[in-house]
Amino acid sequence: MVTIRCGELTFPNIQAIIFDKDGTLEDSQTFLRELGQKRSRLIDAQIPGIGEPLLMAFGIQGDSLDPTGLMAVGSRRENEIAAAAYVAETGRGWLESVAIAHNAFEDADRYLKRAGTSPLFTGSLEVLKTLSDAGLKLGILSAATTEEVKAFVERHQLRDYIQLEMGVNEGPSKPDPALFLQACQLLDVEPGATLMVGDAAGDIEMGHRAGAAGCIGICWENPAAAHLEAADVAIAQLDEIQILAA
């Protein structure tokens, strides 16, 4: 058991910490924006005029990515379904719309290989090492696919510190508490002894609904972000998570 302090709050008897990936450990804003733009262009090439509405649906405006938008917090499946819905509004059948969206997403993946494009946020590796050395079990629970989570861990050589690599393929997505409960079960820890750390309102809601010991919101350089107001505490960088006793 470890006692964690974050800001003015103390969390005693902690066994594990579960982290979101995009926007929490990985500085993926640029990649996600470029991926959404590519998906929109590919669909627009088949259905002229749909590109701009799709960008808005994805939460992309110019060079900015809305941290509460679909690309930032939604699973791949949710993004595909949303894109298919916009295609269907042009009068195409639903199965055809789903196929158009899916194929565009696959083509975008081939154009934009993720490896090497999104760095860890500065200091993240050191924090993970410190927490792991203190005896905490660490996991990643992301709206990205499990394959993407595993690739992220491999790319940044985190396997010495991360015991759980979990994403969303099919089934429930954030903020469904079933995901957090499943993650805790796989780590063999109780939810009430586990912290959730994430950059999205869905991370915070999921943790609260699952009975987490605490939910820490992170918005790098801007802990006052409105979408983290439900967090127990909001931080601007990971090293604000400090060990008081182990």
C-alpha atoms as a PDB file:
ATOM      1  CA  MET A   1       0.000   0.000   0.000  1.00  0.00           C
ATOM      2  CA  VAL A   2       1.228   3.484  -0.898  1.00  0.00           C
ATOM      3  CA  THR A   3       0.121   6.946   0.185  1.00  0.00           C
ATOM      4  CA  ILE A   4      -0.084   9.420  -2.702  1.00  0.00           C
ATOM      5  CA  ARG A   5      -0.302  13.171  -2.438  1.00  0.00           C
ATOM      6  CA  CYS A   6      -1.510  15.286  -5.319  1.00  0.00           C
ATOM      7  CA  GLY A   7      -1.969  18.985  -4.743  1.00  0.00           C
ATOM      8  CA  GLU A   8      -3.674  19.401  -1.396  1.00  0.00           C
ATOM      9  CA  LEU A   9      -5.232  15.925  -1.417  1.00  0.00           C
ATOM     10  CA  THR A  10      -3.826  12.738   0.067  1.00  0.00           C
ATOM     11  CA  PHE A  11      -4.851   9.273  -1.115  1.00  0.00           C
ATOM     12  CA  PRO A  12      -3.905   6.556   1.397  1.00  0.00           C
ATOM     13  CA  ASN A  13      -3.693   2.802   0.862  1.00  0.00           C
ATOM     14  CA  ILE A  14      -3.220   2.918  -2.912  1.00  0.00           C
ATOM     15  CA  GLN A  15      -2.319  -0.294  -4.715  1.00  0.00           C
ATOM     16  CA  ALA A  16      -2.514   0.786  -8.350  1.00  0.00           C
ATOM     17  CA  ILE A  17      -2.765   3.725 -10.728  1.00  0.00           C
ATOM     18  CA  ILE A  18      -4.497   3.473 -14.092  1.00  0.00           C
ATOM     19  CA  PHE A  19      -3.575   6.032 -16.746  1.00  0.00           C
ATOM     20  CA  ASP A  20      -5.270   7.168 -19.902  1.00  0.00           C
ATOM     21  CA  LYS A  21      -2.860   7.301 -22.863  1.00  0.00           C
ATOM     22  CA  ASP A  22      -3.595  10.069 -25.393  1.00  0.00           C
ATOM     23  CA  GLY A  23      -3.209  13.481 -23.819  1.00  0.00           C
ATOM     24  CA  THR A  24      -2.117  11.982 -20.500  1.00  0.00           C
ATOM     25  CA  LEU A  25       1.086  10.047 -21.152  1.00  0.00           C
ATOM     26  CA  GLU A  26       1.430  10.625 -24.879  1.00  0.00           C
ATOM     27  CA  ASP A  27       1.535  14.061 -26.515  1.00  0.00           C
ATOM     28  CA  SER A  28      -0.664  12.938 -29.389  1.00  0.00           C
ATOM     29  CA  GLN A  29      -2.601  16.110 -30.228  1.00  0.00           C
ATOM     30  CA  THR A  30      -0.737  16.763 -33.482  1.00  0.00           C
ATOM     31  CA  PHE A  31      -1.066  13.167 -34.641  1.00  0.00           C
ATOM     32  CA  LEU A  32      -4.778  12.968 -33.819  1.00  0.00           C
ATOM     33  CA  ARG A  33      -5.464  16.241 -35.614  1.00  0.00           C
ATOM     34  CA  GLU A  34      -3.593  15.083 -38.726  1.00  0.00           C
ATOM     35  CA  LEU A  35      -5.361  11.718 -38.595  1.00  0.00           C
ATOM     36  CA  GLY A  36      -8.783  13.365 -38.410  1.00  0.00           C
ATOM     37  CA  GLN A  37      -7.893  15.696 -41.264  1.00  0.00           C
ATOM     38  CA  LYS A  38      -6.758  12.769 -43.411  1.00  0.00           C
ATOM     39  CA  ARG A  39      -9.922  10.804 -42.709  1.00  0.00           C
ATOM     40  CA  SER A  40     -12.042  13.823 -43.634  1.00  0.00           C
ATOM     41  CA  ARG A  41     -10.152  14.440 -46.878  1.00  0.00           C
ATOM     42  CA  LEU A  42     -10.462  10.812 -47.957  1.00  0.00           C
ATOM     43  CA  ILE A  43     -14.209  10.789 -47.376  1.00  0.00           C
ATOM     44  CA  ASP A  44     -14.594  14.213 -48.999  1.00  0.00           C
ATOM     45  CA  ALA A  45     -12.844  12.876 -52.110  1.00  0.00           C
ATOM     46  CA  GLN A  46     -15.776  10.476 -52.538  1.00  0.00           C
ATOM     47  CA  ILE A  47     -18.503  12.796 -51.261  1.00  0.00           C
ATOM     48  CA  PRO A  48     -17.521  16.409 -52.008  1.00  0.00           C
ATOM     49  CA  GLY A  49     -18.579  18.907 -49.359  1.00  0.00           C
ATOM     50  CA  ILE A  50     -18.633  16.518 -46.423  1.00  0.00           C
ATOM     51  CA  GLY A  51     -15.076  17.237 -45.302  1.00  0.00           C
ATOM     52  CA  GLU A  52     -15.705  20.416 -43.294  1.00  0.00           C
ATOM     53  CA  PRO A  53     -18.705  19.063 -41.373  1.00  0.00           C
ATOM     54  CA  LEU A  54     -16.669  15.966 -40.536  1.00  0.00           C
ATOM     55  CA  LEU A  55     -13.820  18.073 -39.182  1.00  0.00           C
ATOM     56  CA  MET A  56     -16.265  19.874 -36.925  1.00  0.00           C
ATOM     57  CA  ALA A  57     -17.705  16.560 -35.755  1.00  0.00           C
ATOM     58  CA  PHE A  58     -14.196  15.324 -34.969  1.00  0.00           C
ATOM     59  CA  GLY A  59     -13.482  18.449 -32.923  1.00  0.00           C
ATOM     60  CA  ILE A  60     -10.905  19.868 -35.334  1.00  0.00           C
ATOM     61  CA  GLN A  61     -10.794  23.547 -36.176  1.00  0.00           C
ATOM     62  CA  GLY A  62      -7.785  24.811 -38.078  1.00  0.00           C
ATOM     63  CA  ASP A  63      -4.681  23.761 -36.171  1.00  0.00           C
ATOM     64  CA  SER A  64      -6.510  23.043 -32.927  1.00  0.00           C
ATOM     65  CA  LEU A  65      -7.977  19.855 -31.503  1.00  0.00           C
ATOM     66  CA  ASP A  66     -10.801  20.130 -28.990  1.00  0.00           C
ATOM     67  CA  PRO A  67      -9.713  18.103 -25.906  1.00  0.00           C
ATOM     68  CA  THR A  68     -13.374  17.246 -25.326  1.00  0.00           C
ATOM     69  CA  GLY A  69     -14.092  16.386 -28.958  1.00  0.00           C
ATOM     70  CA  LEU A  70     -14.655  13.091 -30.719  1.00  0.00           C
ATOM     71  CA  MET A  71     -11.093  12.573 -31.977  1.00  0.00           C
ATOM     72  CA  ALA A  72      -9.639  13.331 -28.561  1.00  0.00           C
ATOM     73  CA  VAL A  73     -11.866  11.168 -26.387  1.00  0.00           C
ATOM     74  CA  GLY A  74     -13.857   8.809 -28.612  1.00  0.00           C
ATOM     75  CA  SER A  75     -12.900   5.268 -29.505  1.00  0.00           C
ATOM     76  CA  ARG A  76     -12.040   4.379 -33.080  1.00  0.00           C
ATOM     77  CA  ARG A  77     -15.402   2.628 -33.404  1.00  0.00           C
ATOM     78  CA  GLU A  78     -17.266   5.721 -32.178  1.00  0.00           C
ATOM     79  CA  ASN A  79     -15.388   7.891 -34.674  1.00  0.00           C
ATOM     80  CA  GLU A  80     -16.230   5.503 -37.509  1.00  0.00           C
ATOM     81  CA  ILE A  81     -19.919   5.407 -36.615  1.00  0.00           C
ATOM     82  CA  ALA A  82     -20.053   9.203 -36.390  1.00  0.00           C
ATOM     83  CA  ALA A  83     -18.400   9.537 -39.802  1.00  0.00           C
ATOM     84  CA  ALA A  84     -20.792   6.955 -41.276  1.00  0.00           C
ATOM     85  CA  ALA A  85     -23.747   8.926 -39.921  1.00  0.00           C
ATOM     86  CA  TYR A  86     -22.576  12.036 -41.786  1.00  0.00           C
ATOM     87  CA  VAL A  87     -22.184   9.968 -44.953  1.00  0.00           C
ATOM     88  CA  ALA A  88     -25.688   8.532 -44.507  1.00  0.00           C
ATOM     89  CA  GLU A  89     -27.105  12.067 -44.339  1.00  0.00           C
ATOM     90  CA  THR A  90     -26.155  12.458 -48.014  1.00  0.00           C
ATOM     91  CA  GLY A  91     -28.708   9.790 -48.932  1.00  0.00           C
ATOM     92  CA  ARG A  92     -26.537   6.694 -49.038  1.00  0.00           C
ATOM     93  CA  GLY A  93     -27.647   3.476 -47.402  1.00  0.00           C
ATOM     94  CA  TRP A  94     -26.349   2.658 -43.944  1.00  0.00           C
ATOM     95  CA  LEU A  95     -24.225  -0.353 -44.945  1.00  0.00           C
ATOM     96  CA  GLU A  96     -22.630   1.632 -47.758  1.00  0.00           C
ATOM     97  CA  SER A  97     -22.017   4.546 -45.386  1.00  0.00           C
ATOM     98  CA  VAL A  98     -20.320   2.304 -42.835  1.00  0.00           C
ATOM     99  CA  ALA A  99     -18.130   0.798 -45.549  1.00  0.00           C
ATOM    100  CA  ILE A 100     -17.085   4.219 -46.866  1.00  0.00           C
ATOM    101  CA  ALA A 101     -16.127   5.405 -43.396  1.00  0.00           C
ATOM    102  CA  HIS A 102     -14.297   2.180 -42.524  1.00  0.00           C
ATOM    103  CA  ASN A 103     -12.291   2.131 -45.734  1.00  0.00           C
ATOM    104  CA  ALA A 104     -11.315   5.780 -45.319  1.00  0.00           C
ATOM    105  CA  PHE A 105     -10.131   5.102 -41.778  1.00  0.00           C
ATOM    106  CA  GLU A 106      -8.073   2.130 -42.968  1.00  0.00           C
ATOM    107  CA  ASP A 107      -6.529   4.197 -45.775  1.00  0.00           C
ATOM    108  CA  ALA A 108      -5.717   7.009 -43.319  1.00  0.00           C
ATOM    109  CA  ASP A 109      -3.910   4.507 -41.102  1.00  0.00           C
ATOM    110  CA  ARG A 110      -1.763   3.430 -44.025  1.00  0.00           C
ATOM    111  CA  TYR A 111      -0.861   7.031 -44.856  1.00  0.00           C
ATOM    112  CA  LEU A 112      -0.087   8.039 -41.291  1.00  0.00           C
ATOM    113  CA  LYS A 113       2.022   5.458 -39.561  1.00  0.00           C
ATOM    114  CA  ARG A 114       1.897   6.253 -35.867  1.00  0.00           C
ATOM    115  CA  ALA A 115       5.325   4.936 -34.860  1.00  0.00           C
ATOM    116  CA  GLY A 116       7.623   7.765 -33.891  1.00  0.00           C
ATOM    117  CA  THR A 117       5.073  10.537 -34.357  1.00  0.00           C
ATOM    118  CA  SER A 118       3.830  11.112 -30.809  1.00  0.00           C
ATOM    119  CA  PRO A 119       6.331  11.549 -27.972  1.00  0.00           C
ATOM    120  CA  LEU A 120       5.834  10.939 -24.288  1.00  0.00           C
ATOM    121  CA  PHE A 121       5.107  14.091 -22.342  1.00  0.00           C
ATOM    122  CA  THR A 122       8.291  15.350 -20.716  1.00  0.00           C
ATOM    123  CA  GLY A 123       8.958  13.611 -17.418  1.00  0.00           C
ATOM    124  CA  SER A 124       6.374  10.855 -17.880  1.00  0.00           C
ATOM    125  CA  LEU A 125       8.913   8.047 -18.021  1.00  0.00           C
ATOM    126  CA  GLU A 126      10.575   9.172 -14.808  1.00  0.00           C
ATOM    127  CA  VAL A 127       7.236   9.375 -12.994  1.00  0.00           C
ATOM    128  CA  LEU A 128       6.217   5.891 -14.135  1.00  0.00           C
ATOM    129  CA  LYS A 129       9.547   4.494 -12.967  1.00  0.00           C
ATOM    130  CA  THR A 130       9.241   6.186  -9.559  1.00  0.00           C
ATOM    131  CA  LEU A 131       5.703   4.921  -9.027  1.00  0.00           C
ATOM    132  CA  SER A 132       6.616   1.413 -10.132  1.00  0.00           C
ATOM    133  CA  ASP A 133       9.668   1.344  -7.861  1.00  0.00           C
ATOM    134  CA  ALA A 134       7.377   2.234  -4.947  1.00  0.00           C
ATOM    135  CA  GLY A 135       5.506  -1.032  -5.516  1.00  0.00           C
ATOM    136  CA  LEU A 136       2.439   0.330  -7.295  1.00  0.00           C
ATOM    137  CA  LYS A 137       0.790  -1.634 -10.080  1.00  0.00           C
ATOM    138  CA  LEU A 138       0.457   0.571 -13.160  1.00  0.00           C
ATOM    139  CA  GLY A 139      -1.908   0.165 -16.077  1.00  0.00           C
ATOM    140  CA  ILE A 140      -3.009   1.983 -19.213  1.00  0.00           C
ATOM    141  CA  LEU A 141      -6.711   2.133 -20.105  1.00  0.00           C
ATOM    142  CA  SER A 142      -7.270   4.000 -23.362  1.00  0.00           C
ATOM    143  CA  ALA A 143     -10.054   4.687 -25.837  1.00  0.00           C
ATOM    144  CA  ALA A 144      -7.528   3.659 -28.499  1.00  0.00           C
ATOM    145  CA  THR A 145      -7.442   0.007 -29.520  1.00  0.00           C
ATOM    146  CA  THR A 146      -5.558  -2.529 -27.432  1.00  0.00           C
ATOM    147  CA  GLU A 147      -3.153  -2.986 -30.330  1.00  0.00           C
ATOM    148  CA  GLU A 148      -2.369   0.742 -30.280  1.00  0.00           C
ATOM    149  CA  VAL A 149      -1.811   0.659 -26.523  1.00  0.00           C
ATOM    150  CA  LYS A 150       0.578  -2.279 -26.845  1.00  0.00           C
ATOM    151  CA  ALA A 151       2.443  -0.528 -29.667  1.00  0.00           C
ATOM    152  CA  PHE A 152       2.734   2.605 -27.516  1.00  0.00           C
ATOM    153  CA  VAL A 153       4.183   0.649 -24.594  1.00  0.00           C
ATOM    154  CA  GLU A 154       6.619  -1.133 -26.881  1.00  0.00           C
ATOM    155  CA  ARG A 155       7.661   2.026 -28.709  1.00  0.00           C
ATOM    156  CA  HIS A 156       8.500   3.875 -25.511  1.00  0.00           C
ATOM    157  CA  GLN A 157       9.949   0.813 -23.724  1.00  0.00           C
ATOM    158  CA  LEU A 158       7.507   0.940 -20.823  1.00  0.00           C
ATOM    159  CA  ARG A 159       7.027  -2.789 -20.219  1.00  0.00           C
ATOM    160  CA  ASP A 160       9.197  -2.710 -17.094  1.00  0.00           C
ATOM    161  CA  TYR A 161       6.656  -0.365 -15.490  1.00  0.00           C
ATOM    162  CA  ILE A 162       3.251  -1.123 -17.051  1.00  0.00           C
ATOM    163  CA  GLN A 163       1.383  -4.283 -16.013  1.00  0.00           C
ATOM    164  CA  LEU A 164      -1.816  -3.645 -17.972  1.00  0.00           C
ATOM    165  CA  GLU A 165      -2.168  -2.588 -21.619  1.00  0.00           C
ATOM    166  CA  MET A 166      -5.881  -2.185 -22.293  1.00  0.00           C
ATOM    167  CA  GLY A 167      -7.778  -0.437 -25.044  1.00  0.00           C
ATOM    168  CA  VAL A 168     -11.257  -0.432 -26.555  1.00  0.00           C
ATOM    169  CA  ASN A 169     -11.934  -2.622 -29.578  1.00  0.00           C
ATOM    170  CA  GLU A 170     -15.572  -3.677 -29.345  1.00  0.00           C
ATOM    171  CA  GLY A 171     -18.027  -3.391 -26.491  1.00  0.00           C
ATOM    172  CA  PRO A 172     -18.274  -0.562 -23.965  1.00  0.00           C
ATOM    173  CA  SER A 173     -16.214   2.610 -24.169  1.00  0.00           C
ATOM    174  CA  LYS A 174     -15.471   5.374 -21.710  1.00  0.00           C
ATOM    175  CA  PRO A 175     -17.106   6.490 -19.445  1.00  0.00           C
ATOM    176  CA  ASP A 176     -18.618   3.026 -18.872  1.00  0.00           C
ATOM    177  CA  PRO A 177     -17.372   1.959 -15.413  1.00  0.00           C
ATOM    178  CA  ALA A 178     -17.183  -1.651 -16.600  1.00  0.00           C
ATOM    179  CA  LEU A 179     -13.880  -0.785 -18.287  1.00  0.00           C
ATOM    180  CA  PHE A 180     -12.283   0.455 -15.061  1.00  0.00           C
ATOM    181  CA  LEU A 181     -13.630  -2.505 -13.116  1.00  0.00           C
ATOM    182  CA  GLN A 182     -12.242  -4.904 -15.708  1.00  0.00           C
ATOM    183  CA  ALA A 183      -8.870  -3.160 -15.585  1.00  0.00           C
ATOM    184  CA  CYS A 184      -8.771  -3.484 -11.792  1.00  0.00           C
ATOM    185  CA  GLN A 185      -9.698  -7.159 -12.035  1.00  0.00           C
ATOM    186  CA  LEU A 186      -6.882  -7.793 -14.499  1.00  0.00           C
ATOM    187  CA  LEU A 187      -4.442  -5.992 -12.199  1.00  0.00           C
ATOM    188  CA  ASP A 188      -5.840  -7.957  -9.224  1.00  0.00           C
ATOM    189  CA  VAL A 189      -6.577  -4.813  -7.207  1.00  0.00           C
ATOM    190  CA  GLU A 190      -9.692  -3.280  -5.690  1.00  0.00           C
ATOM    191  CA  PRO A 191     -11.192  -0.192  -7.380  1.00  0.00           C
ATOM    192  CA  GLY A 192     -11.220   1.531  -3.989  1.00  0.00           C
ATOM    193  CA  ALA A 193      -7.433   1.174  -3.836  1.00  0.00           C
ATOM    194  CA  THR A 194      -6.861   2.413  -7.383  1.00  0.00           C
ATOM    195  CA  LEU A 195      -6.411   5.924  -8.790  1.00  0.00           C
ATOM    196  CA  MET A 196      -7.532   7.001 -12.258  1.00  0.00           C
ATOM    197  CA  VAL A 197      -5.467   9.596 -14.123  1.00  0.00           C
ATOM    198  CA  GLY A 198      -6.788  11.086 -17.363  1.00  0.00           C
ATOM    199  CA  ASP A 199      -7.184  14.226 -19.430  1.00  0.00           C
ATOM    200  CA  ALA A 200     -10.855  13.827 -20.351  1.00  0.00           C
ATOM    201  CA  ALA A 201     -14.159  14.152 -18.531  1.00  0.00           C
ATOM    202  CA  GLY A 202     -14.920  10.567 -19.556  1.00  0.00           C
ATOM    203  CA  ASP A 203     -11.891   9.300 -17.622  1.00  0.00           C
ATOM    204  CA  ILE A 204     -13.048  11.127 -14.507  1.00  0.00           C
ATOM    205  CA  GLU A 205     -16.678  10.018 -14.788  1.00  0.00           C
ATOM    206  CA  MET A 206     -15.637   6.411 -15.396  1.00  0.00           C
ATOM    207  CA  GLY A 207     -13.411   6.366 -12.328  1.00  0.00           C
ATOM    208  CA  HIS A 208     -16.021   7.964 -10.083  1.00  0.00           C
ATOM    209  CA  ARG A 209     -18.782   5.597 -11.226  1.00  0.00           C
ATOM    210  CA  ALA A 210     -16.516   2.580 -10.685  1.00  0.00           C
ATOM    211  CA  GLY A 211     -15.655   3.600  -7.132  1.00  0.00           C
ATOM    212  CA  ALA A 212     -12.026   4.565  -7.699  1.00  0.00           C
ATOM    213  CA  ALA A 213     -10.004   5.798  -4.741  1.00  0.00           C
ATOM    214  CA  GLY A 214      -9.597   9.086  -6.568  1.00  0.00           C
ATOM    215  CA  CYS A 215      -9.698  10.660 -10.019  1.00  0.00           C
ATOM    216  CA  ILE A 216      -6.848  12.933 -11.064  1.00  0.00           C
ATOM    217  CA  GLY A 217      -7.388  15.150 -14.087  1.00  0.00           C
ATOM    218  CA  ILE A 218      -4.417  16.306 -16.110  1.00  0.00           C
ATOM    219  CA  CYS A 219      -4.284  19.090 -18.660  1.00  0.00           C
ATOM    220  CA  TRP A 220      -0.657  19.790 -19.435  1.00  0.00           C
ATOM    221  CA  GLU A 221       0.103  23.441 -18.619  1.00  0.00           C
ATOM    222  CA  ASN A 222      -3.578  24.205 -17.913  1.00  0.00           C
ATOM    223  CA  PRO A 223      -4.947  22.404 -14.840  1.00  0.00           C
ATOM    224  CA  ALA A 224      -7.870  24.865 -14.638  1.00  0.00           C
ATOM    225  CA  ALA A 225      -9.436  23.420 -17.819  1.00  0.00           C
ATOM    226  CA  ALA A 226     -13.218  23.460 -17.416  1.00  0.00           C
ATOM    227  CA  HIS A 227     -13.690  19.886 -18.627  1.00  0.00           C
ATOM    228  CA  LEU A 228     -11.756  18.599 -15.588  1.00  0.00           C
ATOM    229  CA  GLU A 229     -13.901  20.310 -12.983  1.00  0.00           C
ATOM    230  CA  ALA A 230     -15.319  16.966 -11.789  1.00  0.00           C
ATOM    231  CA  ALA A 231     -11.846  15.600 -10.960  1.00  0.00           C
ATOM    232  CA  ASP A 232     -10.852  15.272  -7.312  1.00  0.00           C
ATOM    233  CA  VAL A 233      -7.751  17.242  -8.209  1.00  0.00           C
ATOM    234  CA  ALA A 234      -6.374  18.641 -11.482  1.00  0.00           C
ATOM    235  CA  ILE A 235      -2.687  18.862 -12.327  1.00  0.00           C
ATOM    236  CA  ALA A 236      -0.524  20.370 -15.057  1.00  0.00           C
ATOM    237  CA  GLN A 237       2.153  17.658 -15.164  1.00  0.00           C
ATOM    238  CA  LEU A 238       2.548  14.111 -13.920  1.00  0.00           C
ATOM    239  CA  ASP A 239       5.292  14.781 -11.388  1.00  0.00           C
ATOM    240  CA  GLU A 240       2.645  16.462  -9.216  1.00  0.00           C
ATOM    241  CA  ILE A 241       1.680  12.885  -8.279  1.00  0.00           C
ATOM    242  CA  GLN A 242       3.979  12.352  -5.313  1.00  0.00           C
ATOM    243  CA  ILE A 243       4.668   9.428  -2.997  1.00  0.00           C
ATOM    244  CA  LEU A 244       4.396  10.228   0.690  1.00  0.00           C
ATOM    245  CA  ALA A 245       4.902   6.742   2.086  1.00  0.00           C
ATOM    246  CA  ALA A 246       5.252   3.192   0.826  1.00  0.00           C
END
